[in-house]
Amino acid sequence: MTIDALAMLFPNVAVTRGIAVRVAVSFLAEQSDASANRWFWSYHVRIENGSEVAVQLLSRSWSIADGRGTIHEVVGEGVVGEMPLIAPGGSFDYVSGCPLDTPSGAMSGSYRMVDEDGTAFDVEIPRFDLVST
């Protein structure tokens, strides 16, 4: 896939220590109900290891802001039940979701990684907007 195609599919990107985190977000109108103050988005994350060594994702830390500016912190092990090991030149994709009680918001965060030498470090997850229109 070309760089331009990646940028179109994953418009939100951050790179830390050669690890690129790309995010695409979609509003799910069929799972949302404005009359019940419930809006839902899915997001597709691709983590690409552009470094020289294998890395393993250990945990995630999200900051989720709703349309009122209230921040919700979500911290946990792995992603979607996995703690993927990503070889140099490899990637890992997953899809998850976020409900809010406002029609807009934003997410950002970081992944805690460890490299094959046992060095732990944080990788930035780019900020992305949650918009229902």
C-alpha atoms as a PDB file:
ATOM      1  CA  MET A   1       0.000   0.000   0.000  1.00  0.00           C
ATOM      2  CA  THR A   2       1.346   3.440  -0.885  1.00  0.00           C
ATOM      3  CA  ILE A   3       1.949   6.170   1.682  1.00  0.00           C
ATOM      4  CA  ASP A   4      -0.857   8.234   0.096  1.00  0.00           C
ATOM      5  CA  ALA A   5      -3.305   5.326   0.344  1.00  0.00           C
ATOM      6  CA  LEU A   6      -2.358   4.768   3.993  1.00  0.00           C
ATOM      7  CA  ALA A   7      -2.879   8.465   4.730  1.00  0.00           C
ATOM      8  CA  MET A   8      -6.344   8.312   3.185  1.00  0.00           C
ATOM      9  CA  LEU A   9      -7.351   5.138   5.052  1.00  0.00           C
ATOM     10  CA  PHE A  10      -5.707   6.155   8.341  1.00  0.00           C
ATOM     11  CA  PRO A  11      -5.739   9.969   8.516  1.00  0.00           C
ATOM     12  CA  ASN A  12      -4.578  10.129  12.146  1.00  0.00           C
ATOM     13  CA  VAL A  13      -0.948   9.102  12.714  1.00  0.00           C
ATOM     14  CA  ALA A  14       1.757   9.460  15.355  1.00  0.00           C
ATOM     15  CA  VAL A  15       5.265   7.985  15.277  1.00  0.00           C
ATOM     16  CA  THR A  16       7.340   7.262  18.377  1.00  0.00           C
ATOM     17  CA  ARG A  17      10.749   5.529  18.223  1.00  0.00           C
ATOM     18  CA  GLY A  18       9.919   4.163  14.776  1.00  0.00           C
ATOM     19  CA  ILE A  19       6.530   2.794  15.865  1.00  0.00           C
ATOM     20  CA  ALA A  20       3.693   4.305  13.799  1.00  0.00           C
ATOM     21  CA  VAL A  21       0.175   4.272  15.219  1.00  0.00           C
ATOM     22  CA  ARG A  22      -2.479   4.953  12.578  1.00  0.00           C
ATOM     23  CA  VAL A  23      -6.166   5.401  13.382  1.00  0.00           C
ATOM     24  CA  ALA A  24      -9.308   5.526  11.246  1.00  0.00           C
ATOM     25  CA  VAL A  25     -12.622   6.311  12.931  1.00  0.00           C
ATOM     26  CA  SER A  26     -16.225   5.716  11.805  1.00  0.00           C
ATOM     27  CA  PHE A  27     -19.478   6.976  13.296  1.00  0.00           C
ATOM     28  CA  LEU A  28     -21.980   4.120  13.674  1.00  0.00           C
ATOM     29  CA  ALA A  29     -25.388   5.720  13.150  1.00  0.00           C
ATOM     30  CA  GLU A  30     -27.178   2.347  13.320  1.00  0.00           C
ATOM     31  CA  GLN A  31     -25.882   1.784  16.869  1.00  0.00           C
ATOM     32  CA  SER A  32     -26.542   5.349  18.003  1.00  0.00           C
ATOM     33  CA  ASP A  33     -29.738   6.842  19.396  1.00  0.00           C
ATOM     34  CA  ALA A  34     -29.818  10.620  19.863  1.00  0.00           C
ATOM     35  CA  SER A  35     -33.112  10.411  21.795  1.00  0.00           C
ATOM     36  CA  ALA A  36     -31.334   8.224  24.364  1.00  0.00           C
ATOM     37  CA  ASN A  37     -28.162  10.375  24.348  1.00  0.00           C
ATOM     38  CA  ARG A  38     -26.119   7.508  22.940  1.00  0.00           C
ATOM     39  CA  TRP A  39     -23.621   7.883  20.110  1.00  0.00           C
ATOM     40  CA  PHE A  40     -21.197   5.152  19.060  1.00  0.00           C
ATOM     41  CA  TRP A  41     -17.997   5.097  16.998  1.00  0.00           C
ATOM     42  CA  SER A  42     -15.671   2.322  15.888  1.00  0.00           C
ATOM     43  CA  TYR A  43     -11.995   2.901  15.388  1.00  0.00           C
ATOM     44  CA  HIS A  44      -9.454   0.839  13.466  1.00  0.00           C
ATOM     45  CA  VAL A  45      -5.881   0.986  14.744  1.00  0.00           C
ATOM     46  CA  ARG A  46      -2.819  -0.172  12.827  1.00  0.00           C
ATOM     47  CA  ILE A  47       0.466  -0.345  14.743  1.00  0.00           C
ATOM     48  CA  GLU A  48       3.492  -0.572  12.434  1.00  0.00           C
ATOM     49  CA  ASN A  49       6.941  -1.466  13.707  1.00  0.00           C
ATOM     50  CA  GLY A  50       9.424   0.547  11.675  1.00  0.00           C
ATOM     51  CA  SER A  51      12.191   0.013  14.227  1.00  0.00           C
ATOM     52  CA  GLU A  52      15.087  -2.455  14.128  1.00  0.00           C
ATOM     53  CA  VAL A  53      13.819  -4.629  17.014  1.00  0.00           C
ATOM     54  CA  ALA A  54      10.669  -6.546  17.928  1.00  0.00           C
ATOM     55  CA  VAL A  55       8.287  -4.809  20.347  1.00  0.00           C
ATOM     56  CA  GLN A  56       5.423  -6.089  22.459  1.00  0.00           C
ATOM     57  CA  LEU A  57       2.368  -4.054  23.414  1.00  0.00           C
ATOM     58  CA  LEU A  58       1.768  -4.465  27.153  1.00  0.00           C
ATOM     59  CA  SER A  59      -0.965  -1.957  27.994  1.00  0.00           C
ATOM     60  CA  ARG A  60      -3.040   0.974  26.796  1.00  0.00           C
ATOM     61  CA  SER A  61      -3.998   4.307  28.302  1.00  0.00           C
ATOM     62  CA  TRP A  62      -6.782   6.355  26.704  1.00  0.00           C
ATOM     63  CA  SER A  63      -8.096   9.845  27.403  1.00  0.00           C
ATOM     64  CA  ILE A  64     -11.628  10.165  26.046  1.00  0.00           C
ATOM     65  CA  ALA A  65     -13.168  13.634  26.015  1.00  0.00           C
ATOM     66  CA  ASP A  66     -16.911  13.990  25.521  1.00  0.00           C
ATOM     67  CA  GLY A  67     -18.582  17.004  23.916  1.00  0.00           C
ATOM     68  CA  ARG A  68     -18.784  18.763  27.304  1.00  0.00           C
ATOM     69  CA  GLY A  69     -15.032  18.446  27.810  1.00  0.00           C
ATOM     70  CA  THR A  70     -15.336  15.787  30.513  1.00  0.00           C
ATOM     71  CA  ILE A  71     -12.307  13.476  30.373  1.00  0.00           C
ATOM     72  CA  HIS A  72     -12.673   9.739  30.907  1.00  0.00           C
ATOM     73  CA  GLU A  73      -9.439   7.790  31.489  1.00  0.00           C
ATOM     74  CA  VAL A  74      -9.303   4.132  30.407  1.00  0.00           C
ATOM     75  CA  VAL A  75      -6.262   2.033  31.328  1.00  0.00           C
ATOM     76  CA  GLY A  76      -5.829  -1.692  30.793  1.00  0.00           C
ATOM     77  CA  GLU A  77      -3.649  -4.561  29.701  1.00  0.00           C
ATOM     78  CA  GLY A  78      -3.149  -5.204  25.998  1.00  0.00           C
ATOM     79  CA  VAL A  79      -5.704  -4.429  23.315  1.00  0.00           C
ATOM     80  CA  VAL A  80      -8.771  -6.509  22.419  1.00  0.00           C
ATOM     81  CA  GLY A  81      -7.542  -9.263  24.731  1.00  0.00           C
ATOM     82  CA  GLU A  82      -4.105  -9.478  23.119  1.00  0.00           C
ATOM     83  CA  MET A  83      -0.567  -8.369  23.916  1.00  0.00           C
ATOM     84  CA  PRO A  84       0.829  -8.567  20.383  1.00  0.00           C
ATOM     85  CA  LEU A  85       4.505  -9.065  19.590  1.00  0.00           C
ATOM     86  CA  ILE A  86       5.301  -7.036  16.474  1.00  0.00           C
ATOM     87  CA  ALA A  87       8.430  -7.942  14.498  1.00  0.00           C
ATOM     88  CA  PRO A  88      10.545  -5.290  12.744  1.00  0.00           C
ATOM     89  CA  GLY A  89       8.685  -4.337   9.568  1.00  0.00           C
ATOM     90  CA  GLY A  90       5.503  -5.989  10.871  1.00  0.00           C
ATOM     91  CA  SER A  91       2.166  -4.568  11.900  1.00  0.00           C
ATOM     92  CA  PHE A  92      -0.844  -5.349  14.083  1.00  0.00           C
ATOM     93  CA  ASP A  93      -4.417  -4.228  13.388  1.00  0.00           C
ATOM     94  CA  TYR A  94      -7.460  -4.191  15.642  1.00  0.00           C
ATOM     95  CA  VAL A  95     -10.896  -2.610  15.780  1.00  0.00           C
ATOM     96  CA  SER A  96     -12.659  -1.371  18.902  1.00  0.00           C
ATOM     97  CA  GLY A  97     -15.431   1.047  19.796  1.00  0.00           C
ATOM     98  CA  CYS A  98     -16.340   4.034  21.923  1.00  0.00           C
ATOM     99  CA  PRO A  99     -19.787   5.092  23.169  1.00  0.00           C
ATOM    100  CA  LEU A 100     -20.459   8.654  24.337  1.00  0.00           C
ATOM    101  CA  ASP A 101     -23.495  10.437  25.717  1.00  0.00           C
ATOM    102  CA  THR A 102     -22.699  13.494  23.554  1.00  0.00           C
ATOM    103  CA  PRO A 103     -22.688  13.696  19.725  1.00  0.00           C
ATOM    104  CA  SER A 104     -18.989  14.543  19.594  1.00  0.00           C
ATOM    105  CA  GLY A 105     -15.735  14.055  21.430  1.00  0.00           C
ATOM    106  CA  ALA A 106     -12.113  13.075  20.952  1.00  0.00           C
ATOM    107  CA  MET A 107      -9.694  10.326  21.943  1.00  0.00           C
ATOM    108  CA  SER A 108      -5.933  10.167  22.437  1.00  0.00           C
ATOM    109  CA  GLY A 109      -3.556   8.097  24.475  1.00  0.00           C
ATOM    110  CA  SER A 110      -0.525   5.863  24.556  1.00  0.00           C
ATOM    111  CA  TYR A 111       0.583   2.251  24.457  1.00  0.00           C
ATOM    112  CA  ARG A 112       3.173   0.867  26.857  1.00  0.00           C
ATOM    113  CA  MET A 113       5.628  -1.215  24.856  1.00  0.00           C
ATOM    114  CA  VAL A 114       8.686  -3.267  25.675  1.00  0.00           C
ATOM    115  CA  ASP A 115      11.442  -4.030  23.175  1.00  0.00           C
ATOM    116  CA  GLU A 116      13.368  -7.276  22.875  1.00  0.00           C
ATOM    117  CA  ASP A 117      16.083  -5.889  25.192  1.00  0.00           C
ATOM    118  CA  GLY A 118      13.478  -5.413  27.938  1.00  0.00           C
ATOM    119  CA  THR A 119      13.361  -1.616  27.641  1.00  0.00           C
ATOM    120  CA  ALA A 120       9.858  -0.267  28.312  1.00  0.00           C
ATOM    121  CA  PHE A 121       8.636   2.898  26.599  1.00  0.00           C
ATOM    122  CA  ASP A 122       5.414   4.711  25.723  1.00  0.00           C
ATOM    123  CA  VAL A 123       4.155   5.110  22.153  1.00  0.00           C
ATOM    124  CA  GLU A 124       1.779   7.965  21.336  1.00  0.00           C
ATOM    125  CA  ILE A 125      -1.713   7.236  20.010  1.00  0.00           C
ATOM    126  CA  PRO A 126      -2.693  10.214  17.834  1.00  0.00           C
ATOM    127  CA  ARG A 127      -5.633  12.368  18.862  1.00  0.00           C
ATOM    128  CA  PHE A 128      -8.709  11.789  16.732  1.00  0.00           C
ATOM    129  CA  ASP A 129     -12.123  13.419  16.713  1.00  0.00           C
ATOM    130  CA  LEU A 130     -15.400  11.603  17.290  1.00  0.00           C
ATOM    131  CA  VAL A 131     -17.996  13.405  15.176  1.00  0.00           C
ATOM    132  CA  SER A 132     -21.529  12.172  14.562  1.00  0.00           C
ATOM    133  CA  THR A 133     -22.385  14.256  11.498  1.00  0.00           C
END
